[in-house]
PDB file of N, CA and C in Angstrom:
ATOM      1  N   MET A   1     -18.432  -0.805 -13.980  1.00  0.00           N
ATOM      2  CA  MET A   1     -17.286  -1.367 -14.664  1.00  0.00           C
ATOM      3  C   MET A   1     -16.193  -1.674 -13.647  1.00  0.00           C
ATOM      4  N   ALA A   2     -15.701  -2.874 -13.673  1.00  0.00           N
ATOM      5  CA  ALA A   2     -14.657  -3.284 -12.726  1.00  0.00           C
ATOM      6  C   ALA A   2     -13.308  -2.702 -13.138  1.00  0.00           C
ATOM      7  N   ARG A   3     -12.545  -2.309 -12.138  1.00  0.00           N
ATOM      8  CA  ARG A   3     -11.225  -1.750 -12.409  1.00  0.00           C
ATOM      9  C   ARG A   3     -10.174  -2.853 -12.405  1.00  0.00           C
ATOM     10  N   LEU A   4      -9.091  -2.599 -13.088  1.00  0.00           N
ATOM     11  CA  LEU A   4      -7.980  -3.539 -13.120  1.00  0.00           C
ATOM     12  C   LEU A   4      -7.211  -3.466 -11.803  1.00  0.00           C
ATOM     13  N   PRO A   5      -6.580  -4.571 -11.383  1.00  0.00           N
ATOM     14  CA  PRO A   5      -5.780  -4.542 -10.151  1.00  0.00           C
ATOM     15  C   PRO A   5      -4.644  -3.522 -10.214  1.00  0.00           C
ATOM     16  N   GLN A   6      -4.101  -3.285 -11.411  1.00  0.00           N
ATOM     17  CA  GLN A   6      -3.015  -2.309 -11.569  1.00  0.00           C
ATOM     18  C   GLN A   6      -3.500  -0.886 -11.320  1.00  0.00           C
ATOM     19  N   ASP A   7      -4.806  -0.642 -11.478  1.00  0.00           N
ATOM     20  CA  ASP A   7      -5.360   0.680 -11.213  1.00  0.00           C
ATOM     21  C   ASP A   7      -5.617   0.898  -9.719  1.00  0.00           C
ATOM     22  N   ILE A   8      -5.689  -0.186  -8.957  1.00  0.00           N
ATOM     23  CA  ILE A   8      -5.976  -0.089  -7.525  1.00  0.00           C
ATOM     24  C   ILE A   8      -4.676  -0.048  -6.718  1.00  0.00           C
ATOM     25  N   ILE A   9      -3.759  -0.989  -6.978  1.00  0.00           N
ATOM     26  CA  ILE A   9      -2.463  -1.020  -6.292  1.00  0.00           C
ATOM     27  C   ILE A   9      -1.505  -0.169  -7.108  1.00  0.00           C
ATOM     28  N   LEU A  10      -1.121   0.999  -6.595  1.00  0.00           N
ATOM     29  CA  LEU A  10      -0.297   1.928  -7.365  1.00  0.00           C
ATOM     30  C   LEU A  10       1.190   1.631  -7.234  1.00  0.00           C
ATOM     31  N   LYS A  11       1.695   1.499  -5.987  1.00  0.00           N
ATOM     32  CA  LYS A  11       3.104   1.171  -5.801  1.00  0.00           C
ATOM     33  C   LYS A  11       3.341   0.770  -4.357  1.00  0.00           C
ATOM     34  N   PRO A  12       4.429   0.032  -4.101  1.00  0.00           N
ATOM     35  CA  PRO A  12       4.745  -0.327  -2.720  1.00  0.00           C
ATOM     36  C   PRO A  12       5.321   0.864  -1.968  1.00  0.00           C
ATOM     37  N   VAL A  13       5.114   0.878  -0.671  1.00  0.00           N
ATOM     38  CA  VAL A  13       5.679   1.910   0.188  1.00  0.00           C
ATOM     39  C   VAL A  13       6.858   1.287   0.924  1.00  0.00           C
ATOM     40  N   VAL A  14       8.066   1.846   0.719  1.00  0.00           N
ATOM     41  CA  VAL A  14       9.257   1.313   1.360  1.00  0.00           C
ATOM     42  C   VAL A  14       9.804   2.379   2.306  1.00  0.00           C
ATOM     43  N   THR A  15       9.526   2.203   3.585  1.00  0.00           N
ATOM     44  CA  THR A  15      10.035   3.079   4.633  1.00  0.00           C
ATOM     45  C   THR A  15      10.607   2.184   5.733  1.00  0.00           C
ATOM     46  N   GLU A  16      11.227   2.785   6.733  1.00  0.00           N
ATOM     47  CA  GLU A  16      11.757   1.984   7.840  1.00  0.00           C
ATOM     48  C   GLU A  16      10.635   1.206   8.521  1.00  0.00           C
ATOM     49  N   ARG A  17       9.525   1.861   8.742  1.00  0.00           N
ATOM     50  CA  ARG A  17       8.416   1.209   9.429  1.00  0.00           C
ATOM     51  C   ARG A  17       7.833   0.072   8.588  1.00  0.00           C
ATOM     52  N   SER A  18       7.678   0.294   7.284  1.00  0.00           N
ATOM     53  CA  SER A  18       7.099  -0.754   6.445  1.00  0.00           C
ATOM     54  C   SER A  18       8.038  -1.949   6.319  1.00  0.00           C
ATOM     55  N   VAL A  19       9.347  -1.720   6.339  1.00  0.00           N
ATOM     56  CA  VAL A  19      10.298  -2.840   6.289  1.00  0.00           C
ATOM     57  C   VAL A  19      10.258  -3.612   7.605  1.00  0.00           C
ATOM     58  N   ASP A  20      10.083  -2.923   8.730  1.00  0.00           N
ATOM     59  CA  ASP A  20       9.947  -3.610  10.015  1.00  0.00           C
ATOM     60  C   ASP A  20       8.675  -4.456  10.064  1.00  0.00           C
ATOM     61  N   LEU A  21       7.615  -4.005   9.412  1.00  0.00           N
ATOM     62  CA  LEU A  21       6.356  -4.751   9.403  1.00  0.00           C
ATOM     63  C   LEU A  21       6.438  -6.035   8.580  1.00  0.00           C
ATOM     64  N   LEU A  22       7.446  -6.161   7.715  1.00  0.00           N
ATOM     65  CA  LEU A  22       7.592  -7.369   6.908  1.00  0.00           C
ATOM     66  C   LEU A  22       7.796  -8.604   7.783  1.00  0.00           C
ATOM     67  N   GLU A  23       8.424  -8.433   8.949  1.00  0.00           N
ATOM     68  CA  GLU A  23       8.631  -9.558   9.864  1.00  0.00           C
ATOM     69  C   GLU A  23       7.310 -10.105  10.394  1.00  0.00           C
ATOM     70  N   GLN A  24       6.277  -9.269  10.445  1.00  0.00           N
ATOM     71  CA  GLN A  24       4.947  -9.680  10.903  1.00  0.00           C
ATOM     72  C   GLN A  24       4.061 -10.095   9.733  1.00  0.00           C
ATOM     73  N   ASN A  25       4.653 -10.251   8.552  1.00  0.00           N
ATOM     74  CA  ASN A  25       3.933 -10.650   7.335  1.00  0.00           C
ATOM     75  C   ASN A  25       2.931  -9.582   6.895  1.00  0.00           C
ATOM     76  N   LYS A  26       3.310  -8.291   7.078  1.00  0.00           N
ATOM     77  CA  LYS A  26       2.468  -7.170   6.668  1.00  0.00           C
ATOM     78  C   LYS A  26       3.195  -6.385   5.579  1.00  0.00           C
ATOM     79  N   TYR A  27       2.466  -6.060   4.518  1.00  0.00           N
ATOM     80  CA  TYR A  27       3.024  -5.361   3.364  1.00  0.00           C
ATOM     81  C   TYR A  27       2.259  -4.062   3.147  1.00  0.00           C
ATOM     82  N   THR A  28       2.984  -3.000   2.803  1.00  0.00           N
ATOM     83  CA  THR A  28       2.387  -1.668   2.686  1.00  0.00           C
ATOM     84  C   THR A  28       2.385  -1.220   1.223  1.00  0.00           C
ATOM     85  N   PHE A  29       1.239  -0.710   0.768  1.00  0.00           N
ATOM     86  CA  PHE A  29       1.092  -0.250  -0.606  1.00  0.00           C
ATOM     87  C   PHE A  29       0.405   1.107  -0.636  1.00  0.00           C
ATOM     88  N   ARG A  30       0.732   1.881  -1.670  1.00  0.00           N
ATOM     89  CA  ARG A  30      -0.019   3.092  -1.993  1.00  0.00           C
ATOM     90  C   ARG A  30      -1.141   2.637  -2.925  1.00  0.00           C
ATOM     91  N   VAL A  31      -2.374   3.000  -2.608  1.00  0.00           N
ATOM     92  CA  VAL A  31      -3.526   2.526  -3.383  1.00  0.00           C
ATOM     93  C   VAL A  31      -4.349   3.712  -3.883  1.00  0.00           C
ATOM     94  N   ALA A  32      -5.259   3.437  -4.795  1.00  0.00           N
ATOM     95  CA  ALA A  32      -6.150   4.469  -5.324  1.00  0.00           C
ATOM     96  C   ALA A  32      -7.007   5.035  -4.194  1.00  0.00           C
ATOM     97  N   LYS A  33      -7.244   6.349  -4.222  1.00  0.00           N
ATOM     98  CA  LYS A  33      -7.963   7.004  -3.132  1.00  0.00           C
ATOM     99  C   LYS A  33      -9.400   6.517  -2.976  1.00  0.00           C
ATOM    100  N   ASN A  34     -10.014   6.089  -4.064  1.00  0.00           N
ATOM    101  CA  ASN A  34     -11.414   5.676  -3.987  1.00  0.00           C
ATOM    102  C   ASN A  34     -11.572   4.154  -3.889  1.00  0.00           C
ATOM    103  N   ALA A  35     -10.477   3.422  -3.654  1.00  0.00           N
ATOM    104  CA  ALA A  35     -10.548   1.964  -3.540  1.00  0.00           C
ATOM    105  C   ALA A  35     -10.991   1.575  -2.131  1.00  0.00           C
ATOM    106  N   ASN A  36     -11.833   0.545  -2.045  1.00  0.00           N
ATOM    107  CA  ASN A  36     -12.244   0.063  -0.727  1.00  0.00           C
ATOM    108  C   ASN A  36     -11.465  -1.205  -0.374  1.00  0.00           C
ATOM    109  N   LYS A  37     -11.669  -1.716   0.842  1.00  0.00           N
ATOM    110  CA  LYS A  37     -10.882  -2.845   1.324  1.00  0.00           C
ATOM    111  C   LYS A  37     -11.108  -4.108   0.487  1.00  0.00           C
ATOM    112  N   PHE A  38     -12.323  -4.328   0.022  1.00  0.00           N
ATOM    113  CA  PHE A  38     -12.620  -5.516  -0.774  1.00  0.00           C
ATOM    114  C   PHE A  38     -11.886  -5.473  -2.114  1.00  0.00           C
ATOM    115  N   GLU A  39     -11.876  -4.305  -2.749  1.00  0.00           N
ATOM    116  CA  GLU A  39     -11.157  -4.151  -4.021  1.00  0.00           C
ATOM    117  C   GLU A  39      -9.653  -4.324  -3.818  1.00  0.00           C
ATOM    118  N   ILE A  40      -9.117  -3.776  -2.735  1.00  0.00           N
ATOM    119  CA  ILE A  40      -7.686  -3.883  -2.462  1.00  0.00           C
ATOM    120  C   ILE A  40      -7.311  -5.340  -2.223  1.00  0.00           C
ATOM    121  N   LYS A  41      -8.132  -6.052  -1.455  1.00  0.00           N
ATOM    122  CA  LYS A  41      -7.864  -7.465  -1.172  1.00  0.00           C
ATOM    123  C   LYS A  41      -7.847  -8.295  -2.451  1.00  0.00           C
ATOM    124  N   SER A  42      -8.833  -8.130  -3.300  1.00  0.00           N
ATOM    125  CA  SER A  42      -8.887  -8.920  -4.535  1.00  0.00           C
ATOM    126  C   SER A  42      -7.760  -8.533  -5.492  1.00  0.00           C
ATOM    127  N   ALA A  43      -7.370  -7.253  -5.501  1.00  0.00           N
ATOM    128  CA  ALA A  43      -6.283  -6.820  -6.375  1.00  0.00           C
ATOM    129  C   ALA A  43      -4.953  -7.433  -5.945  1.00  0.00           C
ATOM    130  N   VAL A  44      -4.660  -7.442  -4.638  1.00  0.00           N
ATOM    131  CA  VAL A  44      -3.412  -8.036  -4.139  1.00  0.00           C
ATOM    132  C   VAL A  44      -3.403  -9.539  -4.396  1.00  0.00           C
ATOM    133  N   GLU A  45      -4.531 -10.194  -4.170  1.00  0.00           N
ATOM    134  CA  GLU A  45      -4.604 -11.643  -4.393  1.00  0.00           C
ATOM    135  C   GLU A  45      -4.382 -12.001  -5.851  1.00  0.00           C
ATOM    136  N   SER A  46      -4.926 -11.212  -6.764  1.00  0.00           N
ATOM    137  CA  SER A  46      -4.770 -11.544  -8.185  1.00  0.00           C
ATOM    138  C   SER A  46      -3.393 -11.143  -8.725  1.00  0.00           C
ATOM    139  N   LEU A  47      -2.819 -10.047  -8.233  1.00  0.00           N
ATOM    140  CA  LEU A  47      -1.510  -9.612  -8.723  1.00  0.00           C
ATOM    141  C   LEU A  47      -0.374 -10.494  -8.225  1.00  0.00           C
ATOM    142  N   PHE A  48      -0.414 -10.854  -6.929  1.00  0.00           N
ATOM    143  CA  PHE A  48       0.722 -11.539  -6.317  1.00  0.00           C
ATOM    144  C   PHE A  48       0.464 -13.001  -5.997  1.00  0.00           C
ATOM    145  N   LYS A  49      -0.741 -13.515  -6.280  1.00  0.00           N
ATOM    146  CA  LYS A  49      -1.097 -14.925  -6.056  1.00  0.00           C
ATOM    147  C   LYS A  49      -0.869 -15.341  -4.604  1.00  0.00           C
ATOM    148  N   VAL A  50      -1.402 -14.555  -3.670  1.00  0.00           N
ATOM    149  CA  VAL A  50      -1.301 -14.834  -2.239  1.00  0.00           C
ATOM    150  C   VAL A  50      -2.688 -14.763  -1.618  1.00  0.00           C
ATOM    151  N   ASP A  51      -2.824 -15.243  -0.369  1.00  0.00           N
ATOM    152  CA  ASP A  51      -4.080 -15.151   0.370  1.00  0.00           C
ATOM    153  C   ASP A  51      -3.973 -14.024   1.381  1.00  0.00           C
ATOM    154  N   VAL A  52      -4.925 -13.094   1.331  1.00  0.00           N
ATOM    155  CA  VAL A  52      -4.913 -11.930   2.221  1.00  0.00           C
ATOM    156  C   VAL A  52      -5.808 -12.215   3.421  1.00  0.00           C
ATOM    157  N   GLU A  53      -5.265 -11.957   4.616  1.00  0.00           N
ATOM    158  CA  GLU A  53      -6.037 -12.151   5.835  1.00  0.00           C
ATOM    159  C   GLU A  53      -6.751 -10.870   6.240  1.00  0.00           C
ATOM    160  N   LYS A  54      -6.022  -9.733   6.284  1.00  0.00           N
ATOM    161  CA  LYS A  54      -6.594  -8.457   6.712  1.00  0.00           C
ATOM    162  C   LYS A  54      -6.115  -7.332   5.805  1.00  0.00           C
ATOM    163  N   VAL A  55      -6.923  -6.278   5.733  1.00  0.00           N
ATOM    164  CA  VAL A  55      -6.548  -5.058   5.021  1.00  0.00           C
ATOM    165  C   VAL A  55      -6.855  -3.870   5.933  1.00  0.00           C
ATOM    166  N   HIS A  56      -5.826  -3.084   6.240  1.00  0.00           N
ATOM    167  CA  HIS A  56      -6.002  -1.846   6.991  1.00  0.00           C
ATOM    168  C   HIS A  56      -5.724  -0.701   6.034  1.00  0.00           C
ATOM    169  N   THR A  57      -6.612   0.299   6.015  1.00  0.00           N
ATOM    170  CA  THR A  57      -6.406   1.439   5.124  1.00  0.00           C
ATOM    171  C   THR A  57      -6.355   2.717   5.942  1.00  0.00           C
ATOM    172  N   MET A  58      -5.646   3.702   5.404  1.00  0.00           N
ATOM    173  CA  MET A  58      -5.602   5.016   6.028  1.00  0.00           C
ATOM    174  C   MET A  58      -5.367   6.071   4.973  1.00  0.00           C
ATOM    175  N   ASN A  59      -5.953   7.237   5.188  1.00  0.00           N
ATOM    176  CA  ASN A  59      -5.743   8.366   4.303  1.00  0.00           C
ATOM    177  C   ASN A  59      -4.585   9.189   4.848  1.00  0.00           C
ATOM    178  N   VAL A  60      -3.590   9.437   4.002  1.00  0.00           N
ATOM    179  CA  VAL A  60      -2.419  10.202   4.401  1.00  0.00           C
ATOM    180  C   VAL A  60      -2.607  11.621   3.884  1.00  0.00           C
ATOM    181  N   ARG A  61      -2.581  12.577   4.803  1.00  0.00           N
ATOM    182  CA  ARG A  61      -2.793  13.964   4.445  1.00  0.00           C
ATOM    183  C   ARG A  61      -1.550  14.546   3.776  1.00  0.00           C
ATOM    184  N   GLY A  62      -1.734  15.406   2.783  1.00  0.00           N
ATOM    185  CA  GLY A  62      -0.619  16.068   2.123  1.00  0.00           C
ATOM    186  C   GLY A  62       0.075  17.039   3.064  1.00  0.00           C
ATOM    187  N   ARG A  63       1.384  17.173   2.915  1.00  0.00           N
ATOM    188  CA  ARG A  63       2.155  18.046   3.784  1.00  0.00           C
ATOM    189  C   ARG A  63       2.367  19.398   3.123  1.00  0.00           C
ATOM    190  N   THR A  64       2.514  20.424   3.926  1.00  0.00           N
ATOM    191  CA  THR A  64       2.836  21.747   3.416  1.00  0.00           C
ATOM    192  C   THR A  64       4.336  21.820   3.188  1.00  0.00           C
ATOM    193  N   LYS A  65       4.752  22.270   2.010  1.00  0.00           N
ATOM    194  CA  LYS A  65       6.169  22.380   1.663  1.00  0.00           C
ATOM    195  C   LYS A  65       6.453  23.820   1.269  1.00  0.00           C
ATOM    196  N   ARG A  66       7.684  24.253   1.532  1.00  0.00           N
ATOM    197  CA  ARG A  66       8.087  25.616   1.178  1.00  0.00           C
ATOM    198  C   ARG A  66       9.293  25.572   0.264  1.00  0.00           C
ATOM    199  N   MET A  67       9.295  26.450  -0.707  1.00  0.00           N
ATOM    200  CA  MET A  67      10.450  26.685  -1.565  1.00  0.00           C
ATOM    201  C   MET A  67      10.680  28.188  -1.539  1.00  0.00           C
ATOM    202  N   GLY A  68      11.574  28.633  -0.652  1.00  0.00           N
ATOM    203  CA  GLY A  68      11.781  30.074  -0.511  1.00  0.00           C
ATOM    204  C   GLY A  68      10.564  30.724   0.115  1.00  0.00           C
ATOM    205  N   ARG A  69      10.022  31.728  -0.571  1.00  0.00           N
ATOM    206  CA  ARG A  69       8.849  32.426  -0.041  1.00  0.00           C
ATOM    207  C   ARG A  69       7.542  31.748  -0.409  1.00  0.00           C
ATOM    208  N   SER A  70       7.563  30.957  -1.469  1.00  0.00           N
ATOM    209  CA  SER A  70       6.308  30.348  -1.905  1.00  0.00           C
ATOM    210  C   SER A  70       6.040  29.072  -1.107  1.00  0.00           C
ATOM    211  N   GLU A  71       4.764  28.808  -0.946  1.00  0.00           N
ATOM    212  CA  GLU A  71       4.340  27.665  -0.153  1.00  0.00           C
ATOM    213  C   GLU A  71       3.391  26.827  -0.994  1.00  0.00           C
ATOM    214  N   GLY A  72       3.528  25.508  -0.904  1.00  0.00           N
ATOM    215  CA  GLY A  72       2.659  24.608  -1.648  1.00  0.00           C
ATOM    216  C   GLY A  72       2.274  23.429  -0.784  1.00  0.00           C
ATOM    217  N   LYS A  73       1.582  22.495  -1.378  1.00  0.00           N
ATOM    218  CA  LYS A  73       1.122  21.334  -0.633  1.00  0.00           C
ATOM    219  C   LYS A  73       1.310  20.090  -1.474  1.00  0.00           C
ATOM    220  N   THR A  74       1.791  18.990  -0.853  1.00  0.00           N
ATOM    221  CA  THR A  74       1.898  17.730  -1.572  1.00  0.00           C
ATOM    222  C   THR A  74       0.512  17.083  -1.613  1.00  0.00           C
ATOM    223  N   ALA A  75       0.324  16.172  -2.525  1.00  0.00           N
ATOM    224  CA  ALA A  75      -0.973  15.546  -2.703  1.00  0.00           C
ATOM    225  C   ALA A  75      -1.282  14.575  -1.567  1.00  0.00           C
ATOM    226  N   SER A  76      -2.554  14.472  -1.198  1.00  0.00           N
ATOM    227  CA  SER A  76      -3.001  13.468  -0.246  1.00  0.00           C
ATOM    228  C   SER A  76      -3.083  12.129  -0.961  1.00  0.00           C
ATOM    229  N   TRP A  77      -2.929  11.022  -0.196  1.00  0.00           N
ATOM    230  CA  TRP A  77      -2.973   9.701  -0.802  1.00  0.00           C
ATOM    231  C   TRP A  77      -3.482   8.683   0.198  1.00  0.00           C
ATOM    232  N   LYS A  78      -3.742   7.480  -0.282  1.00  0.00           N
ATOM    233  CA  LYS A  78      -4.287   6.431   0.571  1.00  0.00           C
ATOM    234  C   LYS A  78      -3.275   5.302   0.689  1.00  0.00           C
ATOM    235  N   LYS A  79      -3.116   4.781   1.910  1.00  0.00           N
ATOM    236  CA  LYS A  79      -2.162   3.717   2.178  1.00  0.00           C
ATOM    237  C   LYS A  79      -2.914   2.495   2.675  1.00  0.00           C
ATOM    238  N   ALA A  80      -2.467   1.305   2.254  1.00  0.00           N
ATOM    239  CA  ALA A  80      -3.071   0.057   2.713  1.00  0.00           C
ATOM    240  C   ALA A  80      -1.982  -0.839   3.276  1.00  0.00           C
ATOM    241  N   ILE A  81      -2.232  -1.388   4.459  1.00  0.00           N
ATOM    242  CA  ILE A  81      -1.326  -2.366   5.057  1.00  0.00           C
ATOM    243  C   ILE A  81      -2.027  -3.720   4.972  1.00  0.00           C
ATOM    244  N   ILE A  82      -1.400  -4.635   4.240  1.00  0.00           N
ATOM    245  CA  ILE A  82      -1.982  -5.939   3.942  1.00  0.00           C
ATOM    246  C   ILE A  82      -1.329  -6.985   4.823  1.00  0.00           C
ATOM    247  N   THR A  83      -2.125  -7.804   5.516  1.00  0.00           N
ATOM    248  CA  THR A  83      -1.615  -8.934   6.283  1.00  0.00           C
ATOM    249  C   THR A  83      -1.921 -10.206   5.511  1.00  0.00           C
ATOM    250  N   LEU A  84      -0.882 -11.025   5.277  1.00  0.00           N
ATOM    251  CA  LEU A  84      -1.058 -12.259   4.524  1.00  0.00           C
ATOM    252  C   LEU A  84      -1.299 -13.439   5.453  1.00  0.00           C
ATOM    253  N   LYS A  85      -2.008 -14.458   4.948  1.00  0.00           N
ATOM    254  CA  LYS A  85      -2.265 -15.676   5.710  1.00  0.00           C
ATOM    255  C   LYS A  85      -1.036 -16.571   5.672  1.00  0.00           C
ATOM    256  N   GLY A  86      -0.808 -17.272   6.766  1.00  0.00           N
ATOM    257  CA  GLY A  86       0.258 -18.272   6.818  1.00  0.00           C
ATOM    258  C   GLY A  86       1.637 -17.681   6.625  1.00  0.00           C
ATOM    259  N   ASP A  87       2.494 -18.422   5.925  1.00  0.00           N
ATOM    260  CA  ASP A  87       3.879 -17.978   5.719  1.00  0.00           C
ATOM    261  C   ASP A  87       4.126 -17.573   4.269  1.00  0.00           C
ATOM    262  N   LYS A  88       3.097 -17.131   3.585  1.00  0.00           N
ATOM    263  CA  LYS A  88       3.249 -16.649   2.208  1.00  0.00           C
ATOM    264  C   LYS A  88       4.010 -15.335   2.204  1.00  0.00           C
ATOM    265  N   THR A  89       4.731 -15.059   1.109  1.00  0.00           N
ATOM    266  CA  THR A  89       5.446 -13.792   0.983  1.00  0.00           C
ATOM    267  C   THR A  89       5.215 -13.229  -0.414  1.00  0.00           C
ATOM    268  N   ILE A  90       5.509 -11.950  -0.570  1.00  0.00           N
ATOM    269  CA  ILE A  90       5.473 -11.293  -1.872  1.00  0.00           C
ATOM    270  C   ILE A  90       6.918 -11.119  -2.304  1.00  0.00           C
ATOM    271  N   GLU A  91       7.265 -11.661  -3.458  1.00  0.00           N
ATOM    272  CA  GLU A  91       8.660 -11.727  -3.894  1.00  0.00           C
ATOM    273  C   GLU A  91       9.335 -10.367  -3.973  1.00  0.00           C
ATOM    274  N   PHE A  92       8.619  -9.332  -4.347  1.00  0.00           N
ATOM    275  CA  PHE A  92       9.212  -8.010  -4.496  1.00  0.00           C
ATOM    276  C   PHE A  92       9.893  -7.554  -3.210  1.00  0.00           C
ATOM    277  N   PHE A  93       9.284  -7.875  -2.060  1.00  0.00           N
ATOM    278  CA  PHE A  93       9.781  -7.400  -0.774  1.00  0.00           C
ATOM    279  C   PHE A  93      10.851  -8.298  -0.173  1.00  0.00           C
ATOM    280  N   ASP A  94      11.124  -9.460  -0.763  1.00  0.00           N
ATOM    281  CA  ASP A  94      12.068 -10.413  -0.170  1.00  0.00           C
ATOM    282  C   ASP A  94      13.466  -9.842  -0.032  1.00  0.00           C
ATOM    283  N   SER A  95      13.895  -8.977  -0.935  1.00  0.00           N
ATOM    284  CA  SER A  95      15.248  -8.443  -0.882  1.00  0.00           C
ATOM    285  C   SER A  95      15.403  -7.316   0.142  1.00  0.00           C
ATOM    286  N   LEU A  96      14.290  -6.838   0.733  1.00  0.00           N
ATOM    287  CA  LEU A  96      14.359  -5.697   1.647  1.00  0.00           C
ATOM    288  C   LEU A  96      14.717  -6.088   3.076  1.00  0.00           C
ATOM    289  N   HIS A  97      14.360  -7.301   3.494  1.00  0.00           N
ATOM    290  CA  HIS A  97      14.667  -7.639   4.884  1.00  0.00           C
ATOM    291  C   HIS A  97      15.571  -8.808   5.013  1.00  0.00           C
TER     292      HIS A  97
END
């Protein structure tokens, strides 16, 4: 059963580094942990109506956090950096740079 693009692309990642990458036409998203590069590419193309050139993925390990004496861990997640073809842009990110 094919998944919906909304189930694959969870949310954009807005950090200093990801905003700097916008100048190189690269966009950063938090994606489903079990999504592969082909699914991510088709999801971005269908959601934002753009042409994707490259998809780089990485697994981000959860960090250990402390609250007083107790210690916990944040959840691990997957990040995708999408490179677009040509001079196309994603409107959501236009106001960031």
